[in-house]
Amino acid sequence: MNSGFSTRDGGGVIAKFEAAEVSILRSLVTQVLGLVAPGETGDDPLERALGIGAGLAPSDPVLARLFPSAYDDAEEAAEFRRYTEATLRDGKRADAQTMLDSARPGRSELTPEQAQAWLRALNDVRLALGTKLEVTEEIHDEIATMSEDDPRYPAYVTYDWLTYLQDTLVRALW
């Protein structure tokens, strides 16, 4: 079976995965789900009730990649983050949950909405893994010359596979 996505008549998307692949996807998306848990809110009770964040830029490089600053100016970036980060986190959690709920071995059909959620969740998984691996533009050259005995090899191959999946999903959607 070839893994990945293809177009279904009627606008949906067909997903095909082996059981081991589903296990890897579930593990990775669960890790991202843990990372995008609700952030810190402000001290004011109204701010907490509204989910207004503290506005602090994440110190974790993965979170900084998943929630980049919208402005170069630190004050403007903090103000923007304060009002948007909670909603962004909610969206990332919803996309990850959709992926968890619909990832299954064999052939399955995704609605256009599920496919879009998968696309966003796959992107988040790739961003998180790519940040951890310090991926550069030369990733494909590195993988091609890397020994299978290299301890980084499984992670790099997984990143490459996620890139392939994202590509097949983009092609299936457009």
N, C-alpha and C. Protein backbone atom coordinates (compact mmCIF):
# COMPACT_ATOMS: atom_id res chain seq x y z
N MET A 1 0.85 -1.19 0.00
CA MET A 1 0.00 0.00 0.00
C MET A 1 0.89 1.24 0.00
N ASN A 2 0.57 2.19 -0.86
CA ASN A 2 1.29 3.46 -0.86
C ASN A 2 0.64 4.39 0.14
N SER A 3 1.44 4.89 1.08
CA SER A 3 0.93 5.82 2.08
C SER A 3 0.64 7.16 1.44
N GLY A 4 -0.22 7.89 2.09
CA GLY A 4 -0.46 9.24 1.65
C GLY A 4 -1.92 9.51 1.35
N PHE A 5 -2.14 10.53 0.56
CA PHE A 5 -3.47 11.03 0.30
C PHE A 5 -3.73 11.10 -1.19
N SER A 6 -4.99 10.95 -1.55
CA SER A 6 -5.42 11.12 -2.93
C SER A 6 -6.82 11.71 -2.93
N THR A 7 -7.22 12.22 -4.08
CA THR A 7 -8.54 12.85 -4.21
C THR A 7 -9.63 11.80 -4.32
N ARG A 8 -10.74 12.08 -3.69
CA ARG A 8 -11.91 11.22 -3.79
C ARG A 8 -12.96 11.96 -4.60
N ASP A 9 -13.70 11.23 -5.40
CA ASP A 9 -14.79 11.87 -6.13
C ASP A 9 -15.75 12.47 -5.11
N GLY A 10 -16.20 13.68 -5.36
CA GLY A 10 -17.13 14.34 -4.46
C GLY A 10 -16.47 15.32 -3.52
N GLY A 11 -15.16 15.49 -3.64
CA GLY A 11 -14.50 16.55 -2.87
C GLY A 11 -13.77 16.11 -1.63
N GLY A 12 -13.91 14.88 -1.21
CA GLY A 12 -13.18 14.41 -0.04
C GLY A 12 -11.78 13.95 -0.41
N VAL A 13 -11.10 13.43 0.57
CA VAL A 13 -9.73 12.96 0.39
C VAL A 13 -9.63 11.55 0.95
N ILE A 14 -8.89 10.70 0.25
CA ILE A 14 -8.64 9.34 0.71
C ILE A 14 -7.27 9.32 1.37
N ALA A 15 -7.23 8.76 2.58
CA ALA A 15 -5.98 8.58 3.31
C ALA A 15 -5.67 7.10 3.36
N LYS A 16 -4.41 6.74 3.10
CA LYS A 16 -3.98 5.34 3.18
C LYS A 16 -2.74 5.24 4.05
N PHE A 17 -2.83 4.41 5.10
CA PHE A 17 -1.71 4.24 6.02
C PHE A 17 -1.62 2.81 6.52
N GLU A 18 -0.40 2.38 6.76
CA GLU A 18 -0.13 1.12 7.45
C GLU A 18 -0.34 1.37 8.95
N ALA A 19 -0.55 0.32 9.70
CA ALA A 19 -0.77 0.45 11.15
C ALA A 19 0.42 1.13 11.83
N ALA A 20 1.64 0.77 11.44
CA ALA A 20 2.84 1.37 12.06
C ALA A 20 2.90 2.88 11.76
N GLU A 21 2.50 3.26 10.57
CA GLU A 21 2.50 4.68 10.20
C GLU A 21 1.50 5.45 11.04
N VAL A 22 0.33 4.87 11.24
CA VAL A 22 -0.68 5.52 12.08
C VAL A 22 -0.15 5.68 13.50
N SER A 23 0.54 4.68 13.98
CA SER A 23 1.12 4.76 15.32
C SER A 23 2.12 5.91 15.42
N ILE A 24 2.96 6.07 14.42
CA ILE A 24 3.92 7.17 14.41
C ILE A 24 3.20 8.52 14.36
N LEU A 25 2.21 8.64 13.47
CA LEU A 25 1.46 9.90 13.36
C LEU A 25 0.77 10.24 14.67
N ARG A 26 0.14 9.25 15.28
CA ARG A 26 -0.55 9.49 16.56
C ARG A 26 0.42 9.93 17.65
N SER A 27 1.57 9.29 17.69
CA SER A 27 2.58 9.64 18.70
C SER A 27 3.05 11.08 18.50
N LEU A 28 3.37 11.44 17.27
CA LEU A 28 3.87 12.78 16.99
C LEU A 28 2.81 13.85 17.25
N VAL A 29 1.59 13.61 16.80
CA VAL A 29 0.56 14.63 16.99
C VAL A 29 0.17 14.74 18.47
N THR A 30 0.27 13.65 19.22
CA THR A 30 0.00 13.71 20.66
C THR A 30 1.04 14.57 21.35
N GLN A 31 2.29 14.48 20.90
CA GLN A 31 3.34 15.32 21.48
C GLN A 31 3.07 16.80 21.20
N VAL A 32 2.65 17.10 19.98
CA VAL A 32 2.32 18.49 19.64
C VAL A 32 1.11 18.95 20.46
N LEU A 33 0.15 18.08 20.63
CA LEU A 33 -1.04 18.40 21.42
C LEU A 33 -0.63 18.81 22.84
N GLY A 34 0.34 18.10 23.41
CA GLY A 34 0.84 18.46 24.74
C GLY A 34 1.54 19.80 24.75
N LEU A 35 2.22 20.12 23.66
CA LEU A 35 2.93 21.40 23.58
C LEU A 35 1.99 22.60 23.49
N VAL A 36 0.86 22.42 22.82
CA VAL A 36 -0.03 23.55 22.57
C VAL A 36 -1.18 23.61 23.59
N ALA A 37 -0.96 23.00 24.74
CA ALA A 37 -1.94 23.10 25.83
C ALA A 37 -2.16 24.58 26.12
N PRO A 38 -3.26 24.91 26.77
CA PRO A 38 -3.51 26.34 27.05
C PRO A 38 -2.32 27.01 27.71
N GLY A 39 -2.03 28.22 27.26
CA GLY A 39 -0.91 28.98 27.81
C GLY A 39 -1.33 29.73 29.06
N GLU A 40 -0.40 30.51 29.56
CA GLU A 40 -0.68 31.29 30.76
C GLU A 40 -1.58 32.47 30.41
N THR A 41 -2.55 32.72 31.28
CA THR A 41 -3.42 33.88 31.09
C THR A 41 -2.98 34.99 32.03
N GLY A 42 -3.55 36.14 31.83
CA GLY A 42 -3.23 37.27 32.69
C GLY A 42 -3.72 37.06 34.12
N ASP A 43 -3.33 37.95 35.02
CA ASP A 43 -3.71 37.84 36.44
C ASP A 43 -5.12 38.33 36.69
N ASP A 44 -5.62 39.18 35.85
CA ASP A 44 -6.95 39.75 36.02
C ASP A 44 -8.01 38.66 35.80
N PRO A 45 -9.02 38.55 36.71
CA PRO A 45 -10.04 37.51 36.55
C PRO A 45 -10.80 37.61 35.22
N LEU A 46 -11.05 38.83 34.75
CA LEU A 46 -11.74 39.01 33.47
C LEU A 46 -10.86 38.49 32.33
N GLU A 47 -9.57 38.80 32.38
CA GLU A 47 -8.65 38.30 31.36
C GLU A 47 -8.63 36.77 31.35
N ARG A 48 -8.60 36.16 32.54
CA ARG A 48 -8.61 34.69 32.61
C ARG A 48 -9.90 34.15 32.01
N ALA A 49 -11.02 34.78 32.34
CA ALA A 49 -12.32 34.33 31.83
C ALA A 49 -12.39 34.45 30.30
N LEU A 50 -11.78 35.47 29.76
CA LEU A 50 -11.79 35.69 28.31
C LEU A 50 -10.66 34.95 27.59
N GLY A 51 -9.77 34.35 28.36
CA GLY A 51 -8.65 33.64 27.75
C GLY A 51 -7.59 34.55 27.18
N ILE A 52 -7.50 35.76 27.72
CA ILE A 52 -6.49 36.70 27.25
C ILE A 52 -5.16 36.29 27.88
N GLY A 53 -4.16 36.08 27.05
CA GLY A 53 -2.87 35.59 27.51
C GLY A 53 -2.03 36.65 28.17
N ALA A 54 -0.92 36.19 28.74
CA ALA A 54 0.01 37.08 29.40
C ALA A 54 0.83 37.87 28.39
N GLY A 55 0.88 37.42 27.14
CA GLY A 55 1.59 38.14 26.08
C GLY A 55 3.07 37.83 26.03
N LEU A 56 3.53 36.86 26.79
CA LEU A 56 4.95 36.53 26.81
C LEU A 56 5.31 35.62 25.65
N ALA A 57 6.41 35.97 24.98
CA ALA A 57 6.90 35.12 23.89
C ALA A 57 7.43 33.82 24.49
N PRO A 58 7.18 32.70 23.85
CA PRO A 58 7.66 31.43 24.39
C PRO A 58 9.19 31.36 24.38
N SER A 59 9.74 30.77 25.44
CA SER A 59 11.19 30.59 25.49
C SER A 59 11.59 29.28 24.81
N ASP A 60 10.68 28.33 24.72
CA ASP A 60 10.93 27.06 24.05
C ASP A 60 11.00 27.32 22.54
N PRO A 61 12.08 26.91 21.87
CA PRO A 61 12.20 27.17 20.43
C PRO A 61 11.08 26.54 19.60
N VAL A 62 10.58 25.39 20.02
CA VAL A 62 9.49 24.75 19.27
C VAL A 62 8.23 25.60 19.37
N LEU A 63 7.90 26.04 20.58
CA LEU A 63 6.71 26.90 20.74
C LEU A 63 6.90 28.23 20.03
N ALA A 64 8.11 28.74 20.04
CA ALA A 64 8.38 30.00 19.32
C ALA A 64 8.15 29.81 17.83
N ARG A 65 8.43 28.61 17.32
CA ARG A 65 8.20 28.33 15.89
C ARG A 65 6.71 28.14 15.60
N LEU A 66 6.01 27.49 16.54
CA LEU A 66 4.58 27.27 16.35
C LEU A 66 3.76 28.54 16.57
N PHE A 67 4.27 29.45 17.41
CA PHE A 67 3.59 30.71 17.71
C PHE A 67 4.57 31.87 17.53
N PRO A 68 4.94 32.15 16.28
CA PRO A 68 5.94 33.20 16.05
C PRO A 68 5.40 34.59 16.38
N SER A 69 6.31 35.51 16.65
CA SER A 69 5.91 36.89 16.92
C SER A 69 5.38 37.52 15.65
N ALA A 70 4.33 38.29 15.79
CA ALA A 70 3.71 38.94 14.64
C ALA A 70 4.39 40.25 14.29
N TYR A 71 5.14 40.80 15.24
CA TYR A 71 5.79 42.09 15.02
C TYR A 71 7.24 42.03 15.49
N ASP A 72 8.09 42.87 14.90
CA ASP A 72 9.47 42.97 15.35
C ASP A 72 9.56 43.70 16.68
N ASP A 73 8.69 44.68 16.87
CA ASP A 73 8.67 45.44 18.11
C ASP A 73 8.13 44.56 19.23
N ALA A 74 8.90 44.42 20.31
CA ALA A 74 8.54 43.51 21.40
C ALA A 74 7.20 43.88 22.06
N GLU A 75 6.95 45.18 22.22
CA GLU A 75 5.69 45.61 22.85
C GLU A 75 4.49 45.29 21.97
N GLU A 76 4.60 45.59 20.70
CA GLU A 76 3.51 45.29 19.76
C GLU A 76 3.29 43.78 19.67
N ALA A 77 4.38 43.02 19.62
CA ALA A 77 4.28 41.56 19.54
C ALA A 77 3.59 41.00 20.78
N ALA A 78 3.93 41.52 21.94
CA ALA A 78 3.32 41.04 23.19
C ALA A 78 1.83 41.37 23.22
N GLU A 79 1.48 42.56 22.78
CA GLU A 79 0.06 42.94 22.76
C GLU A 79 -0.74 42.06 21.80
N PHE A 80 -0.19 41.82 20.62
CA PHE A 80 -0.86 40.97 19.65
C PHE A 80 -1.00 39.54 20.19
N ARG A 81 0.08 39.01 20.75
CA ARG A 81 0.08 37.66 21.31
C ARG A 81 -0.94 37.53 22.44
N ARG A 82 -1.04 38.56 23.23
CA ARG A 82 -1.95 38.56 24.38
C ARG A 82 -3.39 38.25 23.96
N TYR A 83 -3.79 38.80 22.83
CA TYR A 83 -5.18 38.66 22.39
C TYR A 83 -5.42 37.53 21.39
N THR A 84 -4.36 36.94 20.83
CA THR A 84 -4.55 35.94 19.79
C THR A 84 -4.07 34.53 20.14
N GLU A 85 -3.12 34.43 21.05
CA GLU A 85 -2.49 33.13 21.28
C GLU A 85 -3.47 32.06 21.76
N ALA A 86 -4.39 32.42 22.63
CA ALA A 86 -5.33 31.42 23.14
C ALA A 86 -6.17 30.82 22.00
N THR A 87 -6.61 31.66 21.08
CA THR A 87 -7.38 31.18 19.94
C THR A 87 -6.52 30.32 19.02
N LEU A 88 -5.28 30.73 18.81
CA LEU A 88 -4.37 29.93 17.98
C LEU A 88 -4.12 28.56 18.61
N ARG A 89 -3.93 28.53 19.92
CA ARG A 89 -3.73 27.26 20.61
C ARG A 89 -4.98 26.38 20.49
N ASP A 90 -6.14 26.98 20.65
CA ASP A 90 -7.39 26.21 20.51
C ASP A 90 -7.48 25.58 19.13
N GLY A 91 -7.14 26.35 18.10
CA GLY A 91 -7.19 25.83 16.73
C GLY A 91 -6.21 24.70 16.50
N LYS A 92 -5.01 24.85 17.03
CA LYS A 92 -4.01 23.79 16.87
C LYS A 92 -4.43 22.52 17.60
N ARG A 93 -5.02 22.68 18.78
CA ARG A 93 -5.51 21.51 19.52
C ARG A 93 -6.67 20.84 18.78
N ALA A 94 -7.56 21.62 18.22
CA ALA A 94 -8.69 21.06 17.47
C ALA A 94 -8.20 20.30 16.24
N ASP A 95 -7.23 20.86 15.52
CA ASP A 95 -6.68 20.18 14.34
C ASP A 95 -5.98 18.88 14.74
N ALA A 96 -5.20 18.93 15.81
CA ALA A 96 -4.51 17.73 16.28
C ALA A 96 -5.51 16.65 16.69
N GLN A 97 -6.58 17.07 17.35
CA GLN A 97 -7.59 16.10 17.78
C GLN A 97 -8.31 15.49 16.58
N THR A 98 -8.57 16.29 15.57
CA THR A 98 -9.18 15.76 14.34
C THR A 98 -8.28 14.70 13.73
N MET A 99 -6.99 14.98 13.70
CA MET A 99 -6.05 14.01 13.15
C MET A 99 -6.04 12.73 13.99
N LEU A 100 -6.02 12.87 15.31
CA LEU A 100 -6.05 11.69 16.18
C LEU A 100 -7.33 10.88 15.98
N ASP A 101 -8.45 11.57 15.86
CA ASP A 101 -9.74 10.90 15.74
C ASP A 101 -9.92 10.19 14.40
N SER A 102 -9.25 10.68 13.36
CA SER A 102 -9.49 10.12 12.02
C SER A 102 -8.33 9.32 11.45
N ALA A 103 -7.21 9.26 12.16
CA ALA A 103 -6.07 8.48 11.68
C ALA A 103 -6.32 7.00 11.97
N ARG A 104 -6.40 6.22 10.90
CA ARG A 104 -6.61 4.78 11.08
C ARG A 104 -5.89 4.01 9.98
N PRO A 105 -5.51 2.78 10.30
CA PRO A 105 -4.83 1.97 9.28
C PRO A 105 -5.76 1.64 8.11
N GLY A 106 -5.16 1.40 6.96
CA GLY A 106 -5.93 1.06 5.78
C GLY A 106 -6.35 2.30 5.02
N ARG A 107 -7.44 2.17 4.33
CA ARG A 107 -7.98 3.26 3.50
C ARG A 107 -9.13 3.89 4.25
N SER A 108 -9.10 5.21 4.39
CA SER A 108 -10.22 5.91 5.01
C SER A 108 -10.48 7.20 4.25
N GLU A 109 -11.68 7.70 4.39
CA GLU A 109 -12.07 8.92 3.69
C GLU A 109 -12.16 10.07 4.67
N LEU A 110 -11.60 11.19 4.26
CA LEU A 110 -11.66 12.41 5.06
C LEU A 110 -12.57 13.42 4.36
N THR A 111 -13.37 14.11 5.13
CA THR A 111 -14.15 15.21 4.58
C THR A 111 -13.18 16.33 4.22
N PRO A 112 -13.61 17.27 3.40
CA PRO A 112 -12.72 18.41 3.11
C PRO A 112 -12.28 19.15 4.38
N GLU A 113 -13.16 19.26 5.36
CA GLU A 113 -12.82 19.93 6.61
C GLU A 113 -11.77 19.14 7.39
N GLN A 114 -11.94 17.82 7.45
CA GLN A 114 -10.95 16.98 8.12
C GLN A 114 -9.60 17.06 7.41
N ALA A 115 -9.62 17.05 6.09
CA ALA A 115 -8.38 17.13 5.32
C ALA A 115 -7.65 18.44 5.60
N GLN A 116 -8.39 19.54 5.70
CA GLN A 116 -7.77 20.83 6.02
C GLN A 116 -7.16 20.80 7.42
N ALA A 117 -7.87 20.18 8.37
CA ALA A 117 -7.34 20.06 9.74
C ALA A 117 -6.07 19.20 9.74
N TRP A 118 -6.07 18.12 8.96
CA TRP A 118 -4.89 17.28 8.82
C TRP A 118 -3.73 18.10 8.27
N LEU A 119 -3.99 18.92 7.27
CA LEU A 119 -2.94 19.72 6.66
C LEU A 119 -2.29 20.64 7.70
N ARG A 120 -3.12 21.30 8.49
CA ARG A 120 -2.59 22.19 9.52
C ARG A 120 -1.85 21.40 10.61
N ALA A 121 -2.41 20.26 11.02
CA ALA A 121 -1.77 19.45 12.06
C ALA A 121 -0.44 18.87 11.56
N LEU A 122 -0.41 18.38 10.32
CA LEU A 122 0.85 17.89 9.75
C LEU A 122 1.89 18.99 9.71
N ASN A 123 1.47 20.19 9.36
CA ASN A 123 2.39 21.32 9.33
C ASN A 123 2.96 21.58 10.73
N ASP A 124 2.12 21.54 11.74
CA ASP A 124 2.59 21.76 13.11
C ASP A 124 3.57 20.67 13.54
N VAL A 125 3.28 19.42 13.20
CA VAL A 125 4.18 18.31 13.53
C VAL A 125 5.52 18.51 12.84
N ARG A 126 5.49 18.87 11.55
CA ARG A 126 6.73 19.11 10.81
C ARG A 126 7.51 20.29 11.39
N LEU A 127 6.82 21.36 11.74
CA LEU A 127 7.51 22.51 12.33
C LEU A 127 8.17 22.13 13.65
N ALA A 128 7.44 21.39 14.49
CA ALA A 128 7.99 20.99 15.79
C ALA A 128 9.20 20.08 15.61
N LEU A 129 9.06 19.05 14.78
CA LEU A 129 10.17 18.12 14.57
C LEU A 129 11.33 18.81 13.87
N GLY A 130 11.04 19.62 12.87
CA GLY A 130 12.09 20.33 12.15
C GLY A 130 12.87 21.27 13.05
N THR A 131 12.20 21.91 13.99
CA THR A 131 12.88 22.79 14.94
C THR A 131 13.79 21.98 15.85
N LYS A 132 13.28 20.87 16.36
CA LYS A 132 14.09 20.00 17.22
C LYS A 132 15.32 19.47 16.49
N LEU A 133 15.15 19.14 15.22
CA LEU A 133 16.25 18.59 14.42
C LEU A 133 17.16 19.67 13.82
N GLU A 134 16.74 20.93 13.98
CA GLU A 134 17.46 22.06 13.38
C GLU A 134 17.60 21.87 11.87
N VAL A 135 16.47 21.55 11.24
CA VAL A 135 16.43 21.29 9.81
C VAL A 135 16.81 22.55 9.03
N THR A 136 17.59 22.32 7.97
CA THR A 136 17.99 23.41 7.08
C THR A 136 17.53 23.06 5.67
N GLU A 137 17.83 23.94 4.73
CA GLU A 137 17.47 23.71 3.33
C GLU A 137 18.17 22.48 2.75
N GLU A 138 19.26 22.08 3.37
CA GLU A 138 20.05 20.96 2.87
C GLU A 138 19.58 19.60 3.40
N ILE A 139 18.40 19.53 4.00
CA ILE A 139 17.92 18.31 4.64
C ILE A 139 17.96 17.10 3.71
N HIS A 140 17.52 17.27 2.48
CA HIS A 140 17.46 16.13 1.56
C HIS A 140 18.85 15.62 1.20
N ASP A 141 19.79 16.55 1.04
CA ASP A 141 21.18 16.14 0.77
C ASP A 141 21.76 15.40 1.98
N GLU A 142 21.43 15.89 3.19
CA GLU A 142 21.92 15.25 4.40
C GLU A 142 21.38 13.82 4.53
N ILE A 143 20.10 13.64 4.28
CA ILE A 143 19.49 12.32 4.38
C ILE A 143 20.10 11.37 3.35
N ALA A 144 20.31 11.87 2.14
CA ALA A 144 20.84 11.03 1.07
C ALA A 144 22.23 10.49 1.39
N THR A 145 23.02 11.26 2.13
CA THR A 145 24.39 10.83 2.45
C THR A 145 24.53 10.27 3.86
N MET A 146 23.46 10.31 4.64
CA MET A 146 23.53 9.88 6.03
C MET A 146 23.50 8.35 6.13
N SER A 147 24.33 7.82 6.97
CA SER A 147 24.36 6.38 7.21
C SER A 147 23.12 5.97 8.01
N GLU A 148 22.57 4.82 7.71
CA GLU A 148 21.42 4.32 8.48
C GLU A 148 21.80 4.03 9.92
N ASP A 149 23.08 3.95 10.20
CA ASP A 149 23.55 3.74 11.57
C ASP A 149 23.62 5.03 12.37
N ASP A 150 23.51 6.16 11.68
CA ASP A 150 23.54 7.46 12.35
C ASP A 150 22.32 7.54 13.28
N PRO A 151 22.52 7.89 14.54
CA PRO A 151 21.38 7.93 15.48
C PRO A 151 20.30 8.95 15.09
N ARG A 152 20.65 9.91 14.25
CA ARG A 152 19.67 10.91 13.80
C ARG A 152 18.83 10.42 12.63
N TYR A 153 19.28 9.35 11.98
CA TYR A 153 18.65 8.87 10.75
C TYR A 153 17.14 8.65 10.88
N PRO A 154 16.66 7.92 11.89
CA PRO A 154 15.20 7.70 11.98
C PRO A 154 14.39 9.01 12.07
N ALA A 155 14.90 9.97 12.82
CA ALA A 155 14.17 11.23 12.96
C ALA A 155 14.16 12.01 11.65
N TYR A 156 15.29 12.02 10.94
CA TYR A 156 15.35 12.73 9.67
C TYR A 156 14.47 12.06 8.61
N VAL A 157 14.47 10.74 8.59
CA VAL A 157 13.62 10.03 7.64
C VAL A 157 12.14 10.27 7.97
N THR A 158 11.82 10.33 9.25
CA THR A 158 10.44 10.63 9.65
C THR A 158 10.05 12.03 9.18
N TYR A 159 10.94 12.99 9.36
CA TYR A 159 10.68 14.35 8.89
C TYR A 159 10.44 14.35 7.38
N ASP A 160 11.28 13.63 6.66
CA ASP A 160 11.14 13.55 5.20
C ASP A 160 9.80 12.91 4.82
N TRP A 161 9.41 11.88 5.53
CA TRP A 161 8.13 11.21 5.28
C TRP A 161 6.96 12.16 5.54
N LEU A 162 7.05 12.94 6.62
CA LEU A 162 6.00 13.92 6.92
C LEU A 162 5.89 14.96 5.80
N THR A 163 7.03 15.34 5.25
CA THR A 163 7.05 16.28 4.12
C THR A 163 6.32 15.66 2.92
N TYR A 164 6.60 14.40 2.66
CA TYR A 164 5.94 13.68 1.57
C TYR A 164 4.43 13.64 1.81
N LEU A 165 4.02 13.31 3.04
CA LEU A 165 2.58 13.25 3.34
C LEU A 165 1.92 14.60 3.13
N GLN A 166 2.57 15.64 3.61
CA GLN A 166 2.01 16.98 3.44
C GLN A 166 1.88 17.32 1.96
N ASP A 167 2.87 16.95 1.17
CA ASP A 167 2.82 17.20 -0.27
C ASP A 167 1.66 16.45 -0.92
N THR A 168 1.48 15.17 -0.57
CA THR A 168 0.37 14.42 -1.18
C THR A 168 -0.98 14.99 -0.76
N LEU A 169 -1.05 15.49 0.46
CA LEU A 169 -2.32 16.07 0.91
C LEU A 169 -2.60 17.40 0.21
N VAL A 170 -1.59 18.21 0.05
CA VAL A 170 -1.77 19.47 -0.69
C VAL A 170 -2.24 19.17 -2.11
N ARG A 171 -1.61 18.21 -2.76
CA ARG A 171 -2.00 17.85 -4.12
C ARG A 171 -3.41 17.29 -4.19
N ALA A 172 -3.82 16.55 -3.17
CA ALA A 172 -5.18 15.99 -3.14
C ALA A 172 -6.22 17.10 -2.94
N LEU A 173 -5.85 18.13 -2.19
CA LEU A 173 -6.80 19.22 -1.92
C LEU A 173 -6.88 20.21 -3.06
N TRP A 174 -5.80 20.36 -3.81
CA TRP A 174 -5.79 21.35 -4.88
C TRP A 174 -5.49 20.66 -6.16
